[in-house]
């Protein structure tokens, strides 16, 4: 799964990376993003790539209660085109979720590890998004990070990992209409391009948020 990640690149770096057309507004670097927080999400419309904030934890458009979002921070690649909670968003509402790295915990000692890419400081998770209207008429915009089976390096820590997209696949992720094209991207990221190392257990508390959280022990 993916339950915490970091995004500390400047907004200008994110804008240049994703060829964005709009501004994000107030944005602060975050070294310990937790479920339920509003996170930057990149989507595409007829004008091109856009960026906005969405709450991390998907609420399907048909849901009766927004609490379901806390259980849907991740969506499994293996069943994303079948599960009612995800399949409609996977068809038409895909997004990129920018990140600099993510955290995973190794059991039984619950030691946190920081996982990032060797050659790209900034990358994107493959994600999906939804807009949900509450019974009172409130519109809540949410998202979920897709996960895949872990690669060999990640399996030493955890059996799942977030879907990390190759840079050349990001445009297709936002625009493709073919299930075959999309499913080819639903695979573990190349372990040779990743760096994984243990970090302080201070990251266990989402209240802690500073750069030392990603420093190797």
N, C-alpha and C. Protein backbone atom coordinates (compact mmCIF):
# COMPACT_ATOMS: atom_id res chain seq x y z
N UNK A 1 0.84 -1.19 0.00
CA UNK A 1 0.00 0.00 0.00
C UNK A 1 0.88 1.23 0.00
N UNK A 2 0.26 2.38 -0.08
CA UNK A 2 0.97 3.65 0.05
C UNK A 2 0.17 4.50 1.02
N UNK A 3 0.70 4.68 2.23
CA UNK A 3 -0.03 5.41 3.25
C UNK A 3 0.58 6.73 3.65
N UNK A 4 1.78 7.02 3.19
CA UNK A 4 2.46 8.30 3.45
C UNK A 4 3.41 8.59 2.29
N UNK A 5 3.53 9.85 1.95
CA UNK A 5 4.53 10.22 0.95
C UNK A 5 4.98 11.65 1.17
N UNK A 6 5.97 12.07 0.40
CA UNK A 6 6.54 13.40 0.55
C UNK A 6 6.51 14.14 -0.78
N UNK A 7 6.23 15.43 -0.70
CA UNK A 7 6.30 16.30 -1.87
C UNK A 7 6.89 17.63 -1.41
N UNK A 8 8.15 17.83 -1.71
CA UNK A 8 8.85 19.03 -1.23
C UNK A 8 9.45 19.86 -2.35
N UNK A 9 9.27 19.47 -3.60
CA UNK A 9 9.70 20.31 -4.72
C UNK A 9 8.91 21.60 -4.73
N UNK A 10 9.51 22.65 -5.25
CA UNK A 10 8.81 23.93 -5.36
C UNK A 10 7.66 23.81 -6.36
N UNK A 11 6.67 24.70 -6.23
CA UNK A 11 5.57 24.64 -7.19
C UNK A 11 6.07 24.90 -8.61
N UNK A 12 7.06 25.79 -8.76
CA UNK A 12 7.58 26.06 -10.10
C UNK A 12 8.19 24.80 -10.70
N UNK A 13 8.85 23.99 -9.87
CA UNK A 13 9.43 22.73 -10.37
C UNK A 13 8.32 21.78 -10.83
N UNK A 14 7.24 21.72 -10.05
CA UNK A 14 6.11 20.87 -10.43
C UNK A 14 5.48 21.38 -11.72
N UNK A 15 5.35 22.68 -11.82
CA UNK A 15 4.73 23.29 -13.01
C UNK A 15 5.57 23.00 -14.26
N UNK A 16 6.87 23.15 -14.14
CA UNK A 16 7.75 22.87 -15.28
C UNK A 16 7.73 21.39 -15.63
N UNK A 17 7.73 20.54 -14.61
CA UNK A 17 7.76 19.10 -14.81
C UNK A 17 6.54 18.61 -15.59
N UNK A 18 5.38 19.14 -15.24
CA UNK A 18 4.12 18.64 -15.81
C UNK A 18 3.54 19.53 -16.90
N UNK A 19 4.28 20.57 -17.30
CA UNK A 19 3.80 21.47 -18.34
C UNK A 19 2.42 22.02 -17.99
N UNK A 20 2.32 22.56 -16.78
CA UNK A 20 1.02 23.02 -16.28
C UNK A 20 0.66 24.39 -16.82
N UNK A 21 -0.65 24.61 -16.94
CA UNK A 21 -1.15 25.87 -17.47
C UNK A 21 -1.65 26.81 -16.38
N UNK A 22 -1.97 26.28 -15.21
CA UNK A 22 -2.56 27.12 -14.18
C UNK A 22 -1.70 27.15 -12.92
N UNK A 23 -1.99 28.08 -12.04
CA UNK A 23 -1.30 28.18 -10.76
C UNK A 23 -2.04 27.35 -9.72
N UNK A 24 -1.33 27.02 -8.66
CA UNK A 24 -1.92 26.18 -7.61
C UNK A 24 -2.43 26.99 -6.44
N UNK A 25 -1.90 28.18 -6.25
CA UNK A 25 -2.26 28.95 -5.06
C UNK A 25 -1.29 28.63 -3.94
N UNK A 26 -1.74 28.74 -2.71
CA UNK A 26 -0.87 28.47 -1.56
C UNK A 26 -0.45 27.01 -1.55
N UNK A 27 0.86 26.79 -1.50
CA UNK A 27 1.39 25.43 -1.50
C UNK A 27 2.62 25.40 -0.60
N UNK A 28 2.64 24.48 0.34
CA UNK A 28 3.77 24.34 1.24
C UNK A 28 4.41 22.96 1.06
N UNK A 29 5.70 22.90 1.16
CA UNK A 29 6.41 21.62 1.07
C UNK A 29 5.95 20.72 2.21
N UNK A 30 5.78 19.45 1.89
CA UNK A 30 5.24 18.52 2.87
C UNK A 30 6.07 17.24 2.85
N UNK A 31 6.70 16.96 3.99
CA UNK A 31 7.57 15.80 4.09
C UNK A 31 6.88 14.57 4.69
N UNK A 32 5.61 14.71 5.02
CA UNK A 32 4.90 13.59 5.67
C UNK A 32 3.40 13.69 5.39
N UNK A 33 3.04 13.51 4.13
CA UNK A 33 1.64 13.62 3.72
C UNK A 33 0.87 12.38 4.17
N UNK A 34 -0.26 12.59 4.82
CA UNK A 34 -1.06 11.49 5.36
C UNK A 34 -2.44 11.47 4.72
N UNK A 35 -3.11 10.31 4.75
CA UNK A 35 -4.47 10.22 4.21
C UNK A 35 -5.39 11.26 4.83
N UNK A 36 -6.31 11.75 4.01
CA UNK A 36 -7.25 12.77 4.46
C UNK A 36 -6.80 14.18 4.17
N UNK A 37 -5.51 14.36 3.85
CA UNK A 37 -5.01 15.70 3.53
C UNK A 37 -5.35 16.06 2.09
N UNK A 38 -5.37 17.36 1.81
CA UNK A 38 -5.55 17.85 0.45
C UNK A 38 -4.19 17.87 -0.23
N UNK A 39 -4.11 17.22 -1.38
CA UNK A 39 -2.83 17.08 -2.07
C UNK A 39 -2.93 17.58 -3.51
N UNK A 40 -1.82 18.04 -4.09
CA UNK A 40 -1.84 18.48 -5.49
C UNK A 40 -2.07 17.30 -6.43
N UNK A 41 -2.95 17.49 -7.37
CA UNK A 41 -3.31 16.46 -8.34
C UNK A 41 -3.32 17.08 -9.73
N UNK A 42 -2.71 16.39 -10.68
CA UNK A 42 -2.66 16.88 -12.06
C UNK A 42 -3.65 16.09 -12.91
N UNK A 43 -4.50 16.78 -13.62
CA UNK A 43 -5.46 16.16 -14.52
C UNK A 43 -5.41 16.89 -15.86
N UNK A 44 -6.15 16.42 -16.83
CA UNK A 44 -6.10 17.04 -18.15
C UNK A 44 -7.51 17.31 -18.65
N UNK A 45 -7.71 18.49 -19.21
CA UNK A 45 -8.97 18.81 -19.88
C UNK A 45 -8.68 19.35 -21.27
N UNK A 46 -9.69 19.93 -21.91
CA UNK A 46 -9.51 20.39 -23.28
C UNK A 46 -8.47 21.51 -23.40
N UNK A 47 -8.13 22.15 -22.28
CA UNK A 47 -7.15 23.23 -22.30
C UNK A 47 -5.72 22.73 -22.09
N UNK A 48 -5.58 21.47 -21.61
CA UNK A 48 -4.25 20.94 -21.34
C UNK A 48 -4.12 20.47 -19.90
N UNK A 49 -2.90 20.35 -19.41
CA UNK A 49 -2.68 19.88 -18.05
C UNK A 49 -3.06 20.95 -17.03
N UNK A 50 -3.79 20.54 -16.02
CA UNK A 50 -4.24 21.43 -14.94
C UNK A 50 -3.84 20.83 -13.61
N UNK A 51 -3.74 21.66 -12.58
CA UNK A 51 -3.42 21.17 -11.24
C UNK A 51 -4.40 21.76 -10.23
N UNK A 52 -4.79 20.95 -9.27
CA UNK A 52 -5.71 21.39 -8.23
C UNK A 52 -5.45 20.57 -6.98
N UNK A 53 -6.13 20.93 -5.88
CA UNK A 53 -6.06 20.14 -4.66
C UNK A 53 -7.24 19.19 -4.59
N UNK A 54 -6.96 17.96 -4.15
CA UNK A 54 -8.03 17.00 -3.89
C UNK A 54 -7.70 16.25 -2.59
N UNK A 55 -8.74 15.87 -1.88
CA UNK A 55 -8.57 15.15 -0.63
C UNK A 55 -8.14 13.72 -0.92
N UNK A 56 -7.12 13.26 -0.20
CA UNK A 56 -6.59 11.91 -0.40
C UNK A 56 -7.47 10.89 0.32
N UNK A 57 -8.21 10.11 -0.46
CA UNK A 57 -9.16 9.13 0.05
C UNK A 57 -10.41 9.20 -0.80
N UNK A 58 -10.55 8.30 -1.77
CA UNK A 58 -11.59 8.39 -2.79
C UNK A 58 -12.99 8.17 -2.23
N UNK A 59 -13.89 9.07 -2.59
CA UNK A 59 -15.32 8.89 -2.30
C UNK A 59 -16.01 8.69 -3.65
N UNK A 60 -16.45 7.48 -3.98
CA UNK A 60 -17.13 7.24 -5.25
C UNK A 60 -18.36 8.13 -5.40
N UNK A 61 -18.70 8.49 -6.61
CA UNK A 61 -19.81 9.41 -6.83
C UNK A 61 -21.13 8.87 -6.30
N UNK A 62 -21.24 7.53 -6.16
CA UNK A 62 -22.49 6.92 -5.73
C UNK A 62 -22.54 6.69 -4.23
N UNK A 63 -21.47 7.04 -3.51
CA UNK A 63 -21.40 6.75 -2.07
C UNK A 63 -22.45 7.53 -1.28
N UNK A 64 -22.95 6.93 -0.22
CA UNK A 64 -23.92 7.59 0.64
C UNK A 64 -23.26 8.32 1.81
N UNK A 65 -22.01 7.94 2.11
CA UNK A 65 -21.31 8.49 3.26
C UNK A 65 -19.86 8.77 2.89
N UNK A 66 -19.37 9.93 3.21
CA UNK A 66 -18.00 10.29 2.85
C UNK A 66 -16.94 9.53 3.65
N UNK A 67 -17.35 8.84 4.72
CA UNK A 67 -16.38 8.09 5.52
C UNK A 67 -15.71 6.98 4.74
N UNK A 68 -16.32 6.56 3.63
CA UNK A 68 -15.72 5.50 2.82
C UNK A 68 -14.35 5.90 2.30
N UNK A 69 -14.11 7.21 2.18
CA UNK A 69 -12.85 7.70 1.66
C UNK A 69 -11.64 7.27 2.46
N UNK A 70 -11.80 7.09 3.76
CA UNK A 70 -10.68 6.69 4.60
C UNK A 70 -10.23 5.25 4.31
N UNK A 71 -11.10 4.46 3.68
CA UNK A 71 -10.74 3.10 3.33
C UNK A 71 -10.23 2.99 1.89
N UNK A 72 -10.34 4.07 1.13
CA UNK A 72 -10.01 4.01 -0.29
C UNK A 72 -8.88 4.98 -0.65
N UNK A 73 -7.86 5.04 0.21
CA UNK A 73 -6.69 5.86 -0.14
C UNK A 73 -5.88 5.21 -1.26
N UNK A 74 -6.01 3.90 -1.38
CA UNK A 74 -5.33 3.15 -2.44
C UNK A 74 -6.35 2.34 -3.24
N UNK A 75 -6.02 2.08 -4.50
CA UNK A 75 -6.83 1.22 -5.35
C UNK A 75 -5.91 0.21 -6.02
N UNK A 76 -6.25 -1.06 -5.95
CA UNK A 76 -5.39 -2.12 -6.46
C UNK A 76 -5.44 -2.19 -7.98
N UNK A 77 -4.26 -2.22 -8.61
CA UNK A 77 -4.19 -2.28 -10.06
C UNK A 77 -4.86 -3.52 -10.62
N UNK A 78 -4.78 -4.63 -9.88
CA UNK A 78 -5.30 -5.89 -10.37
C UNK A 78 -6.83 -5.90 -10.53
N UNK A 79 -7.52 -5.06 -9.77
CA UNK A 79 -9.00 -5.07 -9.79
C UNK A 79 -9.60 -3.70 -10.10
N UNK A 80 -8.77 -2.75 -10.50
CA UNK A 80 -9.26 -1.39 -10.65
C UNK A 80 -10.30 -1.23 -11.75
N UNK A 81 -10.25 -2.09 -12.76
CA UNK A 81 -11.22 -1.99 -13.85
C UNK A 81 -12.49 -2.79 -13.58
N UNK A 82 -12.56 -3.43 -12.39
CA UNK A 82 -13.71 -4.26 -12.04
C UNK A 82 -14.48 -3.76 -10.83
N UNK A 83 -13.79 -3.26 -9.82
CA UNK A 83 -14.42 -2.85 -8.57
C UNK A 83 -15.30 -1.61 -8.80
N UNK A 84 -16.55 -1.64 -8.33
CA UNK A 84 -17.44 -0.48 -8.50
C UNK A 84 -16.87 0.81 -7.92
N UNK A 85 -16.06 0.70 -6.87
CA UNK A 85 -15.50 1.90 -6.23
C UNK A 85 -14.52 2.63 -7.13
N UNK A 86 -13.91 1.92 -8.08
CA UNK A 86 -12.82 2.48 -8.85
C UNK A 86 -13.01 2.48 -10.36
N UNK A 87 -13.82 1.57 -10.89
CA UNK A 87 -13.78 1.32 -12.34
C UNK A 87 -14.22 2.52 -13.17
N UNK A 88 -15.18 3.29 -12.68
CA UNK A 88 -15.65 4.44 -13.46
C UNK A 88 -14.60 5.54 -13.51
N UNK A 89 -13.94 5.77 -12.38
CA UNK A 89 -12.87 6.76 -12.35
C UNK A 89 -11.69 6.30 -13.21
N UNK A 90 -11.38 5.01 -13.18
CA UNK A 90 -10.29 4.49 -13.99
C UNK A 90 -10.56 4.70 -15.48
N UNK A 91 -11.81 4.60 -15.87
CA UNK A 91 -12.16 4.78 -17.27
C UNK A 91 -12.00 6.23 -17.73
N UNK A 92 -12.39 7.19 -16.87
CA UNK A 92 -12.51 8.58 -17.34
C UNK A 92 -11.87 9.64 -16.45
N UNK A 93 -11.45 9.28 -15.24
CA UNK A 93 -10.96 10.31 -14.32
C UNK A 93 -9.61 9.90 -13.71
N UNK A 94 -8.63 9.78 -14.57
CA UNK A 94 -7.29 9.45 -14.11
C UNK A 94 -6.47 10.72 -13.87
N UNK A 95 -5.49 10.61 -13.00
CA UNK A 95 -4.69 11.78 -12.67
C UNK A 95 -3.26 11.38 -12.34
N UNK A 96 -2.41 12.37 -12.26
CA UNK A 96 -1.04 12.20 -11.79
C UNK A 96 -0.94 12.83 -10.41
N UNK A 97 -0.28 12.15 -9.50
CA UNK A 97 -0.09 12.69 -8.15
C UNK A 97 1.41 12.87 -7.96
N UNK A 98 1.91 14.11 -8.03
CA UNK A 98 3.35 14.34 -7.95
C UNK A 98 3.91 14.01 -6.56
N UNK A 99 5.14 13.48 -6.55
CA UNK A 99 5.79 13.08 -5.30
C UNK A 99 7.30 13.12 -5.47
N UNK A 100 7.99 13.23 -4.35
CA UNK A 100 9.44 13.09 -4.33
C UNK A 100 9.87 11.75 -3.76
N UNK A 101 8.95 11.10 -3.08
CA UNK A 101 9.24 9.80 -2.49
C UNK A 101 8.08 9.36 -1.61
N UNK A 102 8.15 8.12 -1.13
CA UNK A 102 7.10 7.62 -0.25
C UNK A 102 7.69 6.77 0.86
N UNK A 103 6.91 6.57 1.90
CA UNK A 103 7.35 5.80 3.06
C UNK A 103 6.66 4.43 3.08
N UNK A 104 7.40 3.45 3.55
CA UNK A 104 6.82 2.13 3.79
C UNK A 104 7.44 1.56 5.05
N UNK A 105 6.68 0.71 5.75
CA UNK A 105 7.12 0.17 7.03
C UNK A 105 7.38 -1.33 6.93
N UNK A 106 8.51 -1.74 7.52
CA UNK A 106 8.86 -3.16 7.53
C UNK A 106 8.47 -3.76 8.87
N UNK A 107 7.73 -4.86 8.81
CA UNK A 107 7.33 -5.56 10.03
C UNK A 107 8.35 -6.66 10.34
N UNK A 108 8.45 -7.12 11.60
CA UNK A 108 7.60 -6.75 12.74
C UNK A 108 8.10 -5.54 13.51
N UNK A 109 9.29 -5.04 13.16
CA UNK A 109 9.86 -3.95 13.95
C UNK A 109 9.25 -2.59 13.63
N UNK A 110 8.43 -2.54 12.58
CA UNK A 110 7.76 -1.30 12.15
C UNK A 110 8.78 -0.19 11.86
N UNK A 111 9.86 -0.59 11.20
CA UNK A 111 10.88 0.37 10.82
C UNK A 111 10.48 1.06 9.51
N UNK A 112 10.38 2.39 9.51
CA UNK A 112 10.03 3.09 8.27
C UNK A 112 11.21 3.19 7.31
N UNK A 113 10.90 3.12 6.03
CA UNK A 113 11.88 3.29 4.96
C UNK A 113 11.37 4.38 4.02
N UNK A 114 12.32 5.15 3.49
CA UNK A 114 11.97 6.14 2.47
C UNK A 114 12.38 5.60 1.12
N UNK A 115 11.48 5.71 0.16
CA UNK A 115 11.69 5.15 -1.18
C UNK A 115 11.61 6.28 -2.20
N UNK A 116 12.64 6.42 -3.00
CA UNK A 116 12.64 7.45 -4.03
C UNK A 116 13.36 6.95 -5.28
N UNK A 117 13.35 7.77 -6.32
CA UNK A 117 14.00 7.39 -7.57
C UNK A 117 15.42 7.92 -7.61
N UNK A 118 16.32 7.17 -8.24
CA UNK A 118 17.71 7.55 -8.29
C UNK A 118 17.97 8.74 -9.21
N UNK A 119 17.29 8.78 -10.34
CA UNK A 119 17.60 9.77 -11.36
C UNK A 119 16.54 10.85 -11.53
N UNK A 120 15.43 10.74 -10.81
CA UNK A 120 14.37 11.76 -10.91
C UNK A 120 13.97 12.18 -9.50
N UNK A 121 14.23 13.42 -9.18
CA UNK A 121 13.84 13.92 -7.86
C UNK A 121 12.33 14.02 -7.75
N UNK A 122 11.67 14.33 -8.88
CA UNK A 122 10.22 14.49 -8.90
C UNK A 122 9.63 13.47 -9.87
N UNK A 123 8.58 12.79 -9.45
CA UNK A 123 7.92 11.80 -10.30
C UNK A 123 6.43 11.83 -10.00
N UNK A 124 5.68 10.90 -10.60
CA UNK A 124 4.23 10.87 -10.40
C UNK A 124 3.72 9.47 -10.10
N UNK A 125 2.82 9.39 -9.14
CA UNK A 125 2.01 8.19 -8.94
C UNK A 125 0.86 8.23 -9.94
N UNK A 126 0.44 7.07 -10.42
CA UNK A 126 -0.79 6.99 -11.18
C UNK A 126 -1.97 7.01 -10.21
N UNK A 127 -2.95 7.86 -10.47
CA UNK A 127 -4.08 7.97 -9.57
C UNK A 127 -5.40 8.12 -10.30
N UNK A 128 -6.48 8.14 -9.55
CA UNK A 128 -7.83 8.39 -10.06
C UNK A 128 -8.49 9.41 -9.15
N UNK A 129 -9.50 10.11 -9.68
CA UNK A 129 -10.16 11.13 -8.88
C UNK A 129 -11.67 11.06 -9.05
N UNK A 130 -12.37 11.67 -8.12
CA UNK A 130 -13.83 11.71 -8.14
C UNK A 130 -14.33 13.05 -7.57
N UNK A 131 -15.56 13.40 -7.94
CA UNK A 131 -16.29 14.48 -7.30
C UNK A 131 -17.55 13.89 -6.69
N UNK A 132 -17.75 14.12 -5.41
CA UNK A 132 -18.88 13.54 -4.67
C UNK A 132 -19.75 14.65 -4.12
N UNK A 133 -21.05 14.48 -4.25
CA UNK A 133 -22.00 15.47 -3.73
C UNK A 133 -22.71 14.89 -2.52
N UNK A 134 -22.55 15.56 -1.40
CA UNK A 134 -23.16 15.09 -0.16
C UNK A 134 -24.67 15.31 -0.19
N UNK A 135 -25.41 14.65 0.71
CA UNK A 135 -26.87 14.87 0.77
C UNK A 135 -27.23 16.34 0.99
N UNK A 136 -26.31 17.10 1.60
CA UNK A 136 -26.57 18.51 1.85
C UNK A 136 -26.15 19.40 0.67
N UNK A 137 -25.60 18.77 -0.38
CA UNK A 137 -25.22 19.52 -1.57
C UNK A 137 -23.76 19.95 -1.62
N UNK A 138 -22.98 19.54 -0.64
CA UNK A 138 -21.56 19.89 -0.61
C UNK A 138 -20.79 19.04 -1.61
N UNK A 139 -19.91 19.66 -2.39
CA UNK A 139 -19.08 18.96 -3.36
C UNK A 139 -17.71 18.68 -2.74
N UNK A 140 -17.33 17.40 -2.71
CA UNK A 140 -16.04 16.99 -2.16
C UNK A 140 -15.23 16.32 -3.28
N UNK A 141 -14.05 16.85 -3.55
CA UNK A 141 -13.21 16.32 -4.61
C UNK A 141 -12.09 15.48 -3.98
N UNK A 142 -11.97 14.23 -4.44
CA UNK A 142 -11.07 13.29 -3.79
C UNK A 142 -10.21 12.54 -4.81
N UNK A 143 -9.25 11.77 -4.30
CA UNK A 143 -8.39 10.98 -5.18
C UNK A 143 -7.88 9.75 -4.45
N UNK A 144 -7.31 8.82 -5.23
CA UNK A 144 -6.74 7.59 -4.69
C UNK A 144 -5.48 7.26 -5.46
N UNK A 145 -4.47 6.72 -4.76
CA UNK A 145 -3.22 6.28 -5.39
C UNK A 145 -3.34 4.81 -5.74
N UNK A 146 -3.05 4.46 -6.97
CA UNK A 146 -3.11 3.07 -7.40
C UNK A 146 -1.86 2.33 -6.90
N UNK A 147 -2.04 1.08 -6.51
CA UNK A 147 -0.92 0.26 -6.07
C UNK A 147 -0.79 -0.99 -6.93
N UNK A 148 0.44 -1.51 -6.99
CA UNK A 148 0.74 -2.73 -7.73
C UNK A 148 1.44 -3.71 -6.80
N UNK A 149 1.68 -4.90 -7.31
CA UNK A 149 2.56 -5.84 -6.61
C UNK A 149 3.93 -5.19 -6.49
N UNK A 150 4.63 -5.44 -5.40
CA UNK A 150 5.95 -4.85 -5.19
C UNK A 150 7.00 -5.49 -6.11
N UNK A 151 8.00 -4.70 -6.50
CA UNK A 151 9.13 -5.27 -7.21
C UNK A 151 10.03 -6.00 -6.20
N UNK A 152 11.08 -6.64 -6.68
CA UNK A 152 11.91 -7.47 -5.80
C UNK A 152 12.55 -6.68 -4.66
N UNK A 153 12.95 -5.46 -4.94
CA UNK A 153 13.57 -4.63 -3.90
C UNK A 153 12.55 -4.23 -2.85
N UNK A 154 11.36 -3.84 -3.28
CA UNK A 154 10.32 -3.42 -2.35
C UNK A 154 9.79 -4.58 -1.53
N UNK A 155 9.80 -5.79 -2.09
CA UNK A 155 9.26 -6.95 -1.39
C UNK A 155 10.00 -7.25 -0.09
N UNK A 156 11.21 -6.76 0.03
CA UNK A 156 11.95 -6.92 1.28
C UNK A 156 11.34 -6.07 2.39
N UNK A 157 10.54 -5.08 1.99
CA UNK A 157 9.90 -4.18 2.95
C UNK A 157 8.41 -4.47 3.05
N UNK A 158 7.74 -4.57 1.90
CA UNK A 158 6.28 -4.72 1.86
C UNK A 158 5.89 -5.38 0.54
N UNK A 159 4.74 -6.03 0.51
CA UNK A 159 4.33 -6.76 -0.69
C UNK A 159 3.62 -5.90 -1.72
N UNK A 160 3.34 -4.64 -1.39
CA UNK A 160 2.69 -3.72 -2.33
C UNK A 160 3.54 -2.46 -2.48
N UNK A 161 3.30 -1.74 -3.58
CA UNK A 161 3.96 -0.46 -3.79
C UNK A 161 3.06 0.42 -4.66
N UNK A 162 3.22 1.75 -4.58
CA UNK A 162 2.41 2.62 -5.43
C UNK A 162 2.80 2.49 -6.90
N UNK A 163 1.84 2.76 -7.77
CA UNK A 163 2.11 2.77 -9.20
C UNK A 163 2.90 4.03 -9.54
N UNK A 164 4.16 3.83 -9.92
CA UNK A 164 5.02 4.93 -10.34
C UNK A 164 5.11 4.89 -11.87
N UNK A 165 4.80 5.99 -12.50
CA UNK A 165 4.77 6.04 -13.96
C UNK A 165 6.10 6.51 -14.53
N UNK A 166 6.52 5.88 -15.60
CA UNK A 166 7.65 6.38 -16.35
C UNK A 166 7.25 7.75 -16.93
N UNK A 167 8.22 8.65 -17.03
CA UNK A 167 7.92 10.00 -17.52
C UNK A 167 7.21 9.97 -18.87
N UNK A 168 7.67 9.08 -19.76
CA UNK A 168 7.08 9.02 -21.10
C UNK A 168 5.66 8.45 -21.11
N UNK A 169 5.23 7.86 -20.01
CA UNK A 169 3.88 7.29 -19.94
C UNK A 169 2.85 8.25 -19.35
N UNK A 170 3.30 9.35 -18.78
CA UNK A 170 2.38 10.22 -18.06
C UNK A 170 1.31 10.84 -18.97
N UNK A 171 1.69 11.29 -20.13
CA UNK A 171 0.70 11.86 -21.05
C UNK A 171 -0.33 10.81 -21.45
N UNK A 172 0.12 9.60 -21.75
CA UNK A 172 -0.81 8.53 -22.13
C UNK A 172 -1.73 8.17 -20.97
N UNK A 173 -1.20 8.22 -19.75
CA UNK A 173 -2.04 7.92 -18.59
C UNK A 173 -3.22 8.88 -18.51
N UNK A 174 -3.00 10.13 -18.83
CA UNK A 174 -4.05 11.14 -18.74
C UNK A 174 -5.00 11.12 -19.94
N UNK A 175 -4.56 10.59 -21.07
CA UNK A 175 -5.33 10.74 -22.29
C UNK A 175 -5.83 9.45 -22.93
N UNK A 176 -5.25 8.29 -22.59
CA UNK A 176 -5.58 7.05 -23.29
C UNK A 176 -7.02 6.62 -23.06
N UNK A 177 -7.62 6.05 -24.09
CA UNK A 177 -8.98 5.49 -24.00
C UNK A 177 -8.99 3.97 -24.08
N UNK A 178 -7.85 3.40 -24.41
CA UNK A 178 -7.76 1.95 -24.58
C UNK A 178 -7.40 1.26 -23.27
N UNK A 179 -8.20 0.27 -22.89
CA UNK A 179 -7.90 -0.50 -21.68
C UNK A 179 -6.57 -1.22 -21.81
N UNK A 180 -6.28 -1.71 -23.00
CA UNK A 180 -5.02 -2.42 -23.21
C UNK A 180 -3.82 -1.51 -22.96
N UNK A 181 -3.90 -0.29 -23.44
CA UNK A 181 -2.82 0.68 -23.24
C UNK A 181 -2.66 0.98 -21.75
N UNK A 182 -3.77 1.19 -21.07
CA UNK A 182 -3.72 1.53 -19.65
C UNK A 182 -3.19 0.37 -18.81
N UNK A 183 -3.66 -0.82 -19.10
CA UNK A 183 -3.26 -1.97 -18.29
C UNK A 183 -1.77 -2.29 -18.44
N UNK A 184 -1.17 -1.94 -19.56
CA UNK A 184 0.26 -2.17 -19.74
C UNK A 184 1.08 -1.29 -18.80
N UNK A 185 0.50 -0.21 -18.33
CA UNK A 185 1.19 0.69 -17.41
C UNK A 185 1.02 0.28 -15.96
N UNK A 186 0.11 -0.65 -15.70
CA UNK A 186 -0.18 -1.08 -14.32
C UNK A 186 0.80 -2.17 -13.91
N UNK A 187 2.02 -1.78 -13.64
CA UNK A 187 3.08 -2.75 -13.34
C UNK A 187 4.04 -2.16 -12.32
N UNK A 188 4.76 -3.03 -11.60
CA UNK A 188 5.75 -2.54 -10.64
C UNK A 188 6.83 -1.72 -11.33
N UNK A 189 7.30 -0.69 -10.66
CA UNK A 189 8.36 0.16 -11.22
C UNK A 189 9.69 -0.59 -11.18
N UNK A 190 10.58 -0.24 -12.10
CA UNK A 190 11.89 -0.87 -12.22
C UNK A 190 12.70 -0.69 -10.93
N UNK A 191 13.02 -1.80 -10.26
CA UNK A 191 13.73 -1.73 -8.99
C UNK A 191 15.11 -1.12 -9.12
N UNK A 192 15.74 -1.27 -10.30
CA UNK A 192 17.07 -0.71 -10.50
C UNK A 192 17.09 0.80 -10.51
N UNK A 193 15.94 1.42 -10.66
CA UNK A 193 15.86 2.88 -10.68
C UNK A 193 15.45 3.46 -9.33
N UNK A 194 15.35 2.59 -8.31
CA UNK A 194 14.88 3.04 -6.99
C UNK A 194 15.97 2.97 -5.94
N UNK A 195 15.83 3.85 -4.96
CA UNK A 195 16.69 3.87 -3.79
C UNK A 195 15.80 3.76 -2.55
N UNK A 196 16.14 2.85 -1.64
CA UNK A 196 15.32 2.62 -0.45
C UNK A 196 16.25 2.56 0.76
N UNK A 197 15.92 3.33 1.81
CA UNK A 197 16.77 3.33 3.00
C UNK A 197 15.95 3.63 4.25
N UNK A 198 16.41 3.16 5.42
CA UNK A 198 15.67 3.38 6.67
C UNK A 198 15.77 4.83 7.13
N UNK A 199 14.70 5.30 7.76
CA UNK A 199 14.65 6.67 8.28
C UNK A 199 14.11 6.65 9.71
N UNK A 200 14.09 7.81 10.31
CA UNK A 200 13.67 7.93 11.71
C UNK A 200 12.21 7.53 11.91
N UNK A 201 11.92 6.91 13.05
CA UNK A 201 10.55 6.56 13.40
C UNK A 201 9.72 7.79 13.75
N UNK A 202 10.33 8.95 13.74
CA UNK A 202 9.57 10.19 13.93
C UNK A 202 8.50 10.36 12.85
N UNK A 203 8.74 9.74 11.69
CA UNK A 203 7.76 9.84 10.60
C UNK A 203 6.46 9.11 10.94
N UNK A 204 6.49 8.24 11.95
CA UNK A 204 5.30 7.49 12.32
C UNK A 204 4.15 8.40 12.73
N UNK A 205 4.46 9.56 13.25
CA UNK A 205 3.42 10.52 13.62
C UNK A 205 3.23 11.53 12.49
N UNK A 206 2.02 11.65 11.93
CA UNK A 206 1.79 12.61 10.86
C UNK A 206 1.92 14.06 11.32
N UNK A 207 2.01 14.25 12.63
CA UNK A 207 2.21 15.61 13.15
C UNK A 207 3.63 16.10 12.91
N UNK A 208 4.55 15.17 12.70
CA UNK A 208 5.93 15.54 12.41
C UNK A 208 6.09 15.80 10.92
N UNK A 209 6.68 16.93 10.59
CA UNK A 209 6.76 17.31 9.17
C UNK A 209 7.97 18.23 8.96
N UNK A 210 9.11 17.64 8.67
CA UNK A 210 10.33 18.41 8.45
C UNK A 210 11.30 17.57 7.63
N UNK A 211 12.30 18.21 7.07
CA UNK A 211 13.17 17.57 6.08
C UNK A 211 13.98 16.41 6.64
N UNK A 212 14.29 16.41 7.95
CA UNK A 212 15.08 15.33 8.51
C UNK A 212 14.35 13.98 8.45
N UNK A 213 13.06 14.00 8.21
CA UNK A 213 12.30 12.74 8.14
C UNK A 213 12.74 11.87 6.96
N UNK A 214 13.33 12.48 5.96
CA UNK A 214 13.76 11.70 4.78
C UNK A 214 15.27 11.46 4.77
N UNK A 215 15.94 11.79 5.88
CA UNK A 215 17.38 11.57 5.99
C UNK A 215 17.67 10.13 6.38
N UNK A 216 18.59 9.50 5.70
CA UNK A 216 18.93 8.10 5.98
C UNK A 216 19.55 7.95 7.36
N UNK A 217 19.23 6.87 8.02
CA UNK A 217 19.83 6.58 9.33
C UNK A 217 21.27 6.11 9.16
